[in-house]
Amino acid sequence: MAFEREKVKSMIITTELELVGMIHIPPGGRLTDFLNNLAKPFIPVTDADIKTKDGRTFHTDLMQLNKDYIIVIIPEDSIAL
């Protein structure tokens, strides 16, 4: 049985990577609450475009990101251009 999730397109900067992808959170939930859930040390990110510190780029359909290495997350709808 699959769990229903909302997709939040976000820019994520970690200690080693910059990426843009979809974070999956519970419906009606807040990204902040999802990230503060200590019982889940990893967050699933799908459809991610990734850039490493040395400039290499690649794409992955699914990754599990360790929250301990996240420096900042910016939801796309919060970015004003």
Protein backbone atom coordinates (compact mmCIF):
# COMPACT_ATOMS: atom_id res chain seq x y z
CA MET A 1 0.00 0.00 0.00
CA ALA A 2 1.49 3.34 -1.06
CA PHE A 3 1.23 6.40 1.13
CA GLU A 4 -0.24 9.55 -0.36
CA ARG A 5 2.23 12.45 -0.46
CA GLU A 6 2.39 16.05 -1.66
CA LYS A 7 5.34 16.97 -3.86
CA VAL A 8 7.25 20.14 -2.98
CA LYS A 9 9.78 21.19 -5.63
CA SER A 10 12.76 22.58 -3.74
CA MET A 11 16.34 23.74 -4.07
CA ILE A 12 18.48 21.91 -1.51
CA ILE A 13 22.05 22.75 -0.56
CA THR A 14 24.02 20.20 1.43
CA THR A 15 27.63 20.10 2.58
CA GLU A 16 28.60 18.39 -0.70
CA LEU A 17 25.77 18.94 -3.23
CA GLU A 18 23.35 21.43 -4.71
CA LEU A 19 20.18 19.92 -6.05
CA VAL A 20 16.69 20.69 -7.26
CA GLY A 21 14.09 17.99 -6.83
CA MET A 22 10.77 16.95 -5.39
CA ILE A 23 10.44 16.38 -1.64
CA HIS A 24 7.47 14.22 -0.66
CA ILE A 25 5.59 15.31 2.47
CA PRO A 26 2.31 14.16 4.05
CA PRO A 27 -0.79 15.81 2.52
CA GLY A 28 -1.59 19.12 4.20
CA GLY A 29 1.65 18.94 6.16
CA ARG A 30 4.34 21.57 6.44
CA LEU A 31 7.83 21.03 5.09
CA THR A 32 9.26 22.29 8.40
CA ASP A 33 7.36 19.69 10.43
CA PHE A 34 8.46 16.93 8.05
CA LEU A 35 12.12 17.95 8.35
CA ASN A 36 11.94 18.19 12.15
CA ASN A 37 10.68 14.61 12.50
CA LEU A 38 13.63 13.04 14.34
CA ALA A 39 12.32 9.51 13.72
CA LYS A 40 13.11 9.87 10.01
CA PRO A 41 16.78 10.77 9.39
CA PHE A 42 16.45 10.54 5.59
CA ILE A 43 14.11 12.33 3.21
CA PRO A 44 13.14 10.93 -0.19
CA VAL A 45 13.87 13.23 -3.12
CA THR A 46 12.67 12.36 -6.62
CA ASP A 47 13.38 13.77 -10.07
CA ALA A 48 16.57 15.41 -8.76
CA ASP A 49 19.09 17.41 -10.78
CA ILE A 50 22.34 17.33 -8.81
CA LYS A 51 25.56 19.35 -8.95
CA THR A 52 28.62 18.27 -6.96
CA LYS A 53 31.20 20.61 -5.41
CA ASP A 54 33.62 19.82 -8.24
CA GLY A 55 31.05 20.80 -10.89
CA ARG A 56 29.84 17.39 -12.06
CA THR A 57 26.12 17.20 -12.79
CA PHE A 58 23.73 14.30 -13.01
CA HIS A 59 20.08 13.35 -12.63
CA THR A 60 18.44 10.68 -10.50
CA ASP A 61 14.86 9.53 -10.29
CA LEU A 62 15.13 8.75 -6.56
CA MET A 63 17.55 9.43 -3.74
CA GLN A 64 17.43 9.27 0.05
CA LEU A 65 19.01 12.41 1.51
CA ASN A 66 20.46 12.38 5.02
CA LYS A 67 18.99 15.41 6.84
CA ASP A 68 22.19 15.85 8.89
CA TYR A 69 23.99 17.19 5.80
CA ILE A 70 21.37 19.71 4.69
CA ILE A 71 22.41 23.36 5.02
CA VAL A 72 19.34 24.98 3.44
CA ILE A 73 16.10 24.02 1.68
CA ILE A 74 14.18 26.59 -0.35
CA PRO A 75 10.78 25.56 -1.71
CA GLU A 76 10.43 26.75 -5.31
CA ASP A 77 7.26 28.71 -4.52
CA SER A 78 9.31 30.80 -2.02
CA ILE A 79 11.83 31.97 -4.62
CA ALA A 80 11.11 35.40 -6.09
CA LEU A 81 12.85 36.09 -9.37
